[in-house]
Amino acid sequence: MMCCIKKAVQTGRKVNIIYLAKSGSISKRTIQIISYTDDHITAFCYMRNRLRTFKIANILAVEQSQQKLEAYA
């Protein structure tokens, strides 16, 4: 998973993730990664239309989007 995250940052691609929230709900999100650590990703979430922090342990799946990086609000 980390290789996909690193590649998205390097290539300027958005990432589609399947995310498990604290509440137990599962959602599909498109994100633009701003930064990451071993435990968390800080990204612009297009579903919420704001910056969010995601626990890497709660990301169930990752795929690179074909969309290039764009300026976010």
PDB file of N, CA and C in Angstrom:
ATOM      1  N   MET A   1       0.825  -1.189   0.000  1.00  0.00           N
ATOM      2  CA  MET A   1       0.000   0.000   0.000  1.00  0.00           C
ATOM      3  C   MET A   1       0.873   1.259   0.000  1.00  0.00           C
ATOM      4  N   MET A   2       1.933   1.266   0.802  1.00  0.00           N
ATOM      5  CA  MET A   2       2.786   2.456   0.887  1.00  0.00           C
ATOM      6  C   MET A   2       3.432   2.779  -0.456  1.00  0.00           C
ATOM      7  N   CYS A   3       3.747   1.754  -1.252  1.00  0.00           N
ATOM      8  CA  CYS A   3       4.344   2.032  -2.562  1.00  0.00           C
ATOM      9  C   CYS A   3       3.351   2.766  -3.457  1.00  0.00           C
ATOM     10  N   CYS A   4       2.076   2.433  -3.354  1.00  0.00           N
ATOM     11  CA  CYS A   4       1.039   3.108  -4.136  1.00  0.00           C
ATOM     12  C   CYS A   4       0.891   4.569  -3.677  1.00  0.00           C
ATOM     13  N   ILE A   5       0.989   4.784  -2.382  1.00  0.00           N
ATOM     14  CA  ILE A   5       0.894   6.140  -1.821  1.00  0.00           C
ATOM     15  C   ILE A   5       2.081   6.980  -2.278  1.00  0.00           C
ATOM     16  N   LYS A   6       3.277   6.416  -2.166  1.00  0.00           N
ATOM     17  CA  LYS A   6       4.490   7.127  -2.593  1.00  0.00           C
ATOM     18  C   LYS A   6       4.433   7.457  -4.081  1.00  0.00           C
ATOM     19  N   LYS A   7       3.988   6.498  -4.876  1.00  0.00           N
ATOM     20  CA  LYS A   7       3.906   6.697  -6.326  1.00  0.00           C
ATOM     21  C   LYS A   7       2.914   7.811  -6.666  1.00  0.00           C
ATOM     22  N   ALA A   8       1.798   7.852  -5.954  1.00  0.00           N
ATOM     23  CA  ALA A   8       0.791   8.897  -6.198  1.00  0.00           C
ATOM     24  C   ALA A   8       1.365  10.277  -5.914  1.00  0.00           C
ATOM     25  N   VAL A   9       2.145  10.393  -4.854  1.00  0.00           N
ATOM     26  CA  VAL A   9       2.771  11.673  -4.521  1.00  0.00           C
ATOM     27  C   VAL A   9       3.790  12.052  -5.600  1.00  0.00           C
ATOM     28  N   GLN A  10       4.597  11.093  -6.021  1.00  0.00           N
ATOM     29  CA  GLN A  10       5.635  11.353  -7.026  1.00  0.00           C
ATOM     30  C   GLN A  10       5.071  11.700  -8.394  1.00  0.00           C
ATOM     31  N   THR A  11       3.985  11.053  -8.788  1.00  0.00           N
ATOM     32  CA  THR A  11       3.428  11.259 -10.124  1.00  0.00           C
ATOM     33  C   THR A  11       2.356  12.332 -10.184  1.00  0.00           C
ATOM     34  N   GLY A  12       1.922  12.804  -9.012  1.00  0.00           N
ATOM     35  CA  GLY A  12       0.898  13.835  -8.989  1.00  0.00           C
ATOM     36  C   GLY A  12      -0.486  13.313  -9.333  1.00  0.00           C
ATOM     37  N   ARG A  13      -0.750  12.066  -8.994  1.00  0.00           N
ATOM     38  CA  ARG A  13      -2.058  11.464  -9.253  1.00  0.00           C
ATOM     39  C   ARG A  13      -2.916  11.461  -8.002  1.00  0.00           C
ATOM     40  N   LYS A  14      -4.205  11.575  -8.201  1.00  0.00           N
ATOM     41  CA  LYS A  14      -5.150  11.386  -7.103  1.00  0.00           C
ATOM     42  C   LYS A  14      -5.202   9.893  -6.802  1.00  0.00           C
ATOM     43  N   VAL A  15      -5.746   9.565  -5.633  1.00  0.00           N
ATOM     44  CA  VAL A  15      -5.850   8.176  -5.205  1.00  0.00           C
ATOM     45  C   VAL A  15      -7.294   7.897  -4.798  1.00  0.00           C
ATOM     46  N   ASN A  16      -7.811   6.750  -5.206  1.00  0.00           N
ATOM     47  CA  ASN A  16      -9.113   6.280  -4.752  1.00  0.00           C
ATOM     48  C   ASN A  16      -8.863   5.313  -3.608  1.00  0.00           C
ATOM     49  N   ILE A  17      -9.562   5.514  -2.495  1.00  0.00           N
ATOM     50  CA  ILE A  17      -9.402   4.619  -1.354  1.00  0.00           C
ATOM     51  C   ILE A  17     -10.757   4.108  -0.883  1.00  0.00           C
ATOM     52  N   ILE A  18     -10.726   2.945  -0.273  1.00  0.00           N
ATOM     53  CA  ILE A  18     -11.863   2.427   0.477  1.00  0.00           C
ATOM     54  C   ILE A  18     -11.448   2.583   1.933  1.00  0.00           C
ATOM     55  N   TYR A  19     -12.247   3.335   2.708  1.00  0.00           N
ATOM     56  CA  TYR A  19     -11.845   3.719   4.057  1.00  0.00           C
ATOM     57  C   TYR A  19     -12.859   3.265   5.105  1.00  0.00           C
ATOM     58  N   LEU A  20     -12.342   2.714   6.191  1.00  0.00           N
ATOM     59  CA  LEU A  20     -13.161   2.292   7.314  1.00  0.00           C
ATOM     60  C   LEU A  20     -13.107   3.374   8.385  1.00  0.00           C
ATOM     61  N   ALA A  21     -14.224   4.028   8.627  1.00  0.00           N
ATOM     62  CA  ALA A  21     -14.300   5.113   9.612  1.00  0.00           C
ATOM     63  C   ALA A  21     -14.367   4.553  11.031  1.00  0.00           C
ATOM     64  N   LYS A  22     -14.104   5.434  12.004  1.00  0.00           N
ATOM     65  CA  LYS A  22     -14.197   5.063  13.425  1.00  0.00           C
ATOM     66  C   LYS A  22     -15.553   4.451  13.756  1.00  0.00           C
ATOM     67  N   SER A  23     -16.579   4.981  13.121  1.00  0.00           N
ATOM     68  CA  SER A  23     -17.947   4.523  13.385  1.00  0.00           C
ATOM     69  C   SER A  23     -18.229   3.134  12.816  1.00  0.00           C
ATOM     70  N   GLY A  24     -17.328   2.640  11.972  1.00  0.00           N
ATOM     71  CA  GLY A  24     -17.529   1.333  11.348  1.00  0.00           C
ATOM     72  C   GLY A  24     -18.083   1.414   9.942  1.00  0.00           C
ATOM     73  N   SER A  25     -18.430   2.623   9.493  1.00  0.00           N
ATOM     74  CA  SER A  25     -18.941   2.773   8.134  1.00  0.00           C
ATOM     75  C   SER A  25     -17.786   2.732   7.132  1.00  0.00           C
ATOM     76  N   ILE A  26     -18.078   2.235   5.952  1.00  0.00           N
ATOM     77  CA  ILE A  26     -17.077   2.111   4.884  1.00  0.00           C
ATOM     78  C   ILE A  26     -17.464   3.056   3.763  1.00  0.00           C
ATOM     79  N   SER A  27     -16.460   3.799   3.254  1.00  0.00           N
ATOM     80  CA  SER A  27     -16.735   4.735   2.160  1.00  0.00           C
ATOM     81  C   SER A  27     -15.634   4.661   1.120  1.00  0.00           C
ATOM     82  N   LYS A  28     -16.001   5.028  -0.101  1.00  0.00           N
ATOM     83  CA  LYS A  28     -15.024   5.153  -1.183  1.00  0.00           C
ATOM     84  C   LYS A  28     -14.761   6.643  -1.353  1.00  0.00           C
ATOM     85  N   ARG A  29     -13.481   7.022  -1.348  1.00  0.00           N
ATOM     86  CA  ARG A  29     -13.113   8.434  -1.447  1.00  0.00           C
ATOM     87  C   ARG A  29     -12.015   8.630  -2.472  1.00  0.00           C
ATOM     88  N   THR A  30     -12.037   9.785  -3.091  1.00  0.00           N
ATOM     89  CA  THR A  30     -10.929  10.212  -3.938  1.00  0.00           C
ATOM     90  C   THR A  30     -10.188  11.272  -3.153  1.00  0.00           C
ATOM     91  N   ILE A  31      -8.877  11.075  -3.013  1.00  0.00           N
ATOM     92  CA  ILE A  31      -8.084  12.007  -2.226  1.00  0.00           C
ATOM     93  C   ILE A  31      -6.863  12.482  -3.003  1.00  0.00           C
ATOM     94  N   GLN A  32      -6.363  13.618  -2.619  1.00  0.00           N
ATOM     95  CA  GLN A  32      -5.132  14.187  -3.153  1.00  0.00           C
ATOM     96  C   GLN A  32      -4.179  14.270  -1.963  1.00  0.00           C
ATOM     97  N   ILE A  33      -3.150  13.443  -1.954  1.00  0.00           N
ATOM     98  CA  ILE A  33      -2.260  13.341  -0.803  1.00  0.00           C
ATOM     99  C   ILE A  33      -1.372  14.579  -0.703  1.00  0.00           C
ATOM    100  N   ILE A  34      -1.359  15.149   0.496  1.00  0.00           N
ATOM    101  CA  ILE A  34      -0.524  16.309   0.792  1.00  0.00           C
ATOM    102  C   ILE A  34       0.761  15.847   1.468  1.00  0.00           C
ATOM    103  N   SER A  35       0.618  14.983   2.476  1.00  0.00           N
ATOM    104  CA  SER A  35       1.776  14.429   3.174  1.00  0.00           C
ATOM    105  C   SER A  35       1.372  13.107   3.809  1.00  0.00           C
ATOM    106  N   TYR A  36       2.378  12.342   4.232  1.00  0.00           N
ATOM    107  CA  TYR A  36       2.089  11.073   4.891  1.00  0.00           C
ATOM    108  C   TYR A  36       3.221  10.703   5.838  1.00  0.00           C
ATOM    109  N   THR A  37       2.879   9.890   6.834  1.00  0.00           N
ATOM    110  CA  THR A  37       3.844   9.308   7.760  1.00  0.00           C
ATOM    111  C   THR A  37       3.616   7.799   7.709  1.00  0.00           C
ATOM    112  N   ASP A  38       4.245   7.073   8.608  1.00  0.00           N
ATOM    113  CA  ASP A  38       4.024   5.627   8.651  1.00  0.00           C
ATOM    114  C   ASP A  38       2.610   5.271   9.090  1.00  0.00           C
ATOM    115  N   ASP A  39       1.944   6.198   9.804  1.00  0.00           N
ATOM    116  CA  ASP A  39       0.633   5.904  10.377  1.00  0.00           C
ATOM    117  C   ASP A  39      -0.539   6.660   9.768  1.00  0.00           C
ATOM    118  N   HIS A  40      -0.293   7.847   9.204  1.00  0.00           N
ATOM    119  CA  HIS A  40      -1.378   8.725   8.753  1.00  0.00           C
ATOM    120  C   HIS A  40      -1.091   9.341   7.389  1.00  0.00           C
ATOM    121  N   ILE A  41      -2.170   9.697   6.719  1.00  0.00           N
ATOM    122  CA  ILE A  41      -2.097  10.459   5.470  1.00  0.00           C
ATOM    123  C   ILE A  41      -2.886  11.743   5.683  1.00  0.00           C
ATOM    124  N   THR A  42      -2.301  12.862   5.303  1.00  0.00           N
ATOM    125  CA  THR A  42      -3.028  14.119   5.251  1.00  0.00           C
ATOM    126  C   THR A  42      -3.329  14.370   3.783  1.00  0.00           C
ATOM    127  N   ALA A  43      -4.595  14.575   3.468  1.00  0.00           N
ATOM    128  CA  ALA A  43      -4.998  14.684   2.069  1.00  0.00           C
ATOM    129  C   ALA A  43      -6.232  15.557   1.929  1.00  0.00           C
ATOM    130  N   PHE A  44      -6.405  16.087   0.722  1.00  0.00           N
ATOM    131  CA  PHE A  44      -7.651  16.768   0.399  1.00  0.00           C
ATOM    132  C   PHE A  44      -8.637  15.690  -0.019  1.00  0.00           C
ATOM    133  N   CYS A  45      -9.775  15.629   0.670  1.00  0.00           N
ATOM    134  CA  CYS A  45     -10.802  14.634   0.383  1.00  0.00           C
ATOM    135  C   CYS A  45     -11.879  15.284  -0.480  1.00  0.00           C
ATOM    136  N   TYR A  46     -12.106  14.745  -1.658  1.00  0.00           N
ATOM    137  CA  TYR A  46     -13.104  15.311  -2.566  1.00  0.00           C
ATOM    138  C   TYR A  46     -14.533  14.980  -2.136  1.00  0.00           C
ATOM    139  N   MET A  47     -14.707  13.960  -1.319  1.00  0.00           N
ATOM    140  CA  MET A  47     -16.040  13.645  -0.805  1.00  0.00           C
ATOM    141  C   MET A  47     -16.477  14.691   0.226  1.00  0.00           C
ATOM    142  N   ARG A  48     -15.569  15.067   1.113  1.00  0.00           N
ATOM    143  CA  ARG A  48     -15.864  16.053   2.160  1.00  0.00           C
ATOM    144  C   ARG A  48     -15.512  17.476   1.734  1.00  0.00           C
ATOM    145  N   ASN A  49     -14.745  17.587   0.658  1.00  0.00           N
ATOM    146  CA  ASN A  49     -14.329  18.890   0.118  1.00  0.00           C
ATOM    147  C   ASN A  49     -13.512  19.688   1.144  1.00  0.00           C
ATOM    148  N   ARG A  50     -12.612  18.986   1.832  1.00  0.00           N
ATOM    149  CA  ARG A  50     -11.750  19.629   2.817  1.00  0.00           C
ATOM    150  C   ARG A  50     -10.549  18.735   3.128  1.00  0.00           C
ATOM    151  N   LEU A  51      -9.545  19.312   3.805  1.00  0.00           N
ATOM    152  CA  LEU A  51      -8.391  18.534   4.244  1.00  0.00           C
ATOM    153  C   LEU A  51      -8.817  17.572   5.335  1.00  0.00           C
ATOM    154  N   ARG A  52      -8.329  16.347   5.249  1.00  0.00           N
ATOM    155  CA  ARG A  52      -8.648  15.311   6.229  1.00  0.00           C
ATOM    156  C   ARG A  52      -7.383  14.523   6.558  1.00  0.00           C
ATOM    157  N   THR A  53      -7.397  13.877   7.716  1.00  0.00           N
ATOM    158  CA  THR A  53      -6.324  12.972   8.104  1.00  0.00           C
ATOM    159  C   THR A  53      -6.900  11.563   8.142  1.00  0.00           C
ATOM    160  N   PHE A  54      -6.214  10.637   7.474  1.00  0.00           N
ATOM    161  CA  PHE A  54      -6.667   9.253   7.390  1.00  0.00           C
ATOM    162  C   PHE A  54      -5.643   8.340   8.061  1.00  0.00           C
ATOM    163  N   LYS A  55      -6.122   7.402   8.887  1.00  0.00           N
ATOM    164  CA  LYS A  55      -5.245   6.390   9.464  1.00  0.00           C
ATOM    165  C   LYS A  55      -4.958   5.350   8.384  1.00  0.00           C
ATOM    166  N   ILE A  56      -3.698   5.102   8.150  1.00  0.00           N
ATOM    167  CA  ILE A  56      -3.340   4.130   7.121  1.00  0.00           C
ATOM    168  C   ILE A  56      -3.899   2.743   7.459  1.00  0.00           C
ATOM    169  N   ALA A  57      -3.950   2.405   8.744  1.00  0.00           N
ATOM    170  CA  ALA A  57      -4.489   1.102   9.163  1.00  0.00           C
ATOM    171  C   ALA A  57      -5.961   0.940   8.783  1.00  0.00           C
ATOM    172  N   ASN A  58      -6.670   2.054   8.587  1.00  0.00           N
ATOM    173  CA  ASN A  58      -8.101   1.994   8.244  1.00  0.00           C
ATOM    174  C   ASN A  58      -8.367   2.056   6.744  1.00  0.00           C
ATOM    175  N   ILE A  59      -7.323   2.151   5.947  1.00  0.00           N
ATOM    176  CA  ILE A  59      -7.487   2.138   4.488  1.00  0.00           C
ATOM    177  C   ILE A  59      -7.523   0.681   4.048  1.00  0.00           C
ATOM    178  N   LEU A  60      -8.647   0.271   3.501  1.00  0.00           N
ATOM    179  CA  LEU A  60      -8.851  -1.123   3.118  1.00  0.00           C
ATOM    180  C   LEU A  60      -8.337  -1.432   1.721  1.00  0.00           C
ATOM    181  N   ALA A  61      -8.343  -0.431   0.836  1.00  0.00           N
ATOM    182  CA  ALA A  61      -7.874  -0.620  -0.543  1.00  0.00           C
ATOM    183  C   ALA A  61      -7.434   0.721  -1.112  1.00  0.00           C
ATOM    184  N   VAL A  62      -6.482   0.663  -2.043  1.00  0.00           N
ATOM    185  CA  VAL A  62      -5.953   1.868  -2.691  1.00  0.00           C
ATOM    186  C   VAL A  62      -5.795   1.588  -4.171  1.00  0.00           C
ATOM    187  N   GLU A  63      -6.163   2.563  -4.993  1.00  0.00           N
ATOM    188  CA  GLU A  63      -5.855   2.490  -6.422  1.00  0.00           C
ATOM    189  C   GLU A  63      -5.558   3.894  -6.916  1.00  0.00           C
ATOM    190  N   GLN A  64      -4.605   3.985  -7.831  1.00  0.00           N
ATOM    191  CA  GLN A  64      -4.291   5.288  -8.398  1.00  0.00           C
ATOM    192  C   GLN A  64      -5.384   5.693  -9.363  1.00  0.00           C
ATOM    193  N   SER A  65      -5.774   6.950  -9.263  1.00  0.00           N
ATOM    194  CA  SER A  65      -6.742   7.514 -10.186  1.00  0.00           C
ATOM    195  C   SER A  65      -6.006   7.925 -11.445  1.00  0.00           C
ATOM    196  N   GLN A  66      -6.720   8.046 -12.520  1.00  0.00           N
ATOM    197  CA  GLN A  66      -6.109   8.525 -13.760  1.00  0.00           C
ATOM    198  C   GLN A  66      -6.068  10.049 -13.811  1.00  0.00           C
ATOM    199  N   GLN A  67      -6.668  10.693 -12.820  1.00  0.00           N
ATOM    200  CA  GLN A  67      -6.731  12.148 -12.779  1.00  0.00           C
ATOM    201  C   GLN A  67      -5.448  12.708 -12.203  1.00  0.00           C
ATOM    202  N   LYS A  68      -4.948  13.763 -12.838  1.00  0.00           N
ATOM    203  CA  LYS A  68      -3.740  14.446 -12.351  1.00  0.00           C
ATOM    204  C   LYS A  68      -4.099  15.348 -11.179  1.00  0.00           C
ATOM    205  N   LEU A  69      -3.064  15.728 -10.453  1.00  0.00           N
ATOM    206  CA  LEU A  69      -3.177  16.655  -9.351  1.00  0.00           C
ATOM    207  C   LEU A  69      -3.780  17.973  -9.832  1.00  0.00           C
ATOM    208  N   GLU A  70      -4.610  18.585  -9.007  1.00  0.00           N
ATOM    209  CA  GLU A  70      -5.178  19.883  -9.349  1.00  0.00           C
ATOM    210  C   GLU A  70      -5.201  20.735  -8.096  1.00  0.00           C
ATOM    211  N   ALA A  71      -5.322  22.005  -8.258  1.00  0.00           N
ATOM    212  CA  ALA A  71      -5.403  22.911  -7.108  1.00  0.00           C
ATOM    213  C   ALA A  71      -6.714  22.634  -6.385  1.00  0.00           C
ATOM    214  N   TYR A  72      -6.672  22.626  -5.078  1.00  0.00           N
ATOM    215  CA  TYR A  72      -7.881  22.415  -4.292  1.00  0.00           C
ATOM    216  C   TYR A  72      -8.242  23.702  -3.586  1.00  0.00           C
ATOM    217  N   ALA A  73      -9.493  23.828  -3.221  1.00  0.00           N
ATOM    218  CA  ALA A  73     -10.015  25.061  -2.621  1.00  0.00           C
ATOM    219  C   ALA A  73      -9.420  25.339  -1.273  1.00  0.00           C
TER     220      ALA A  73
END
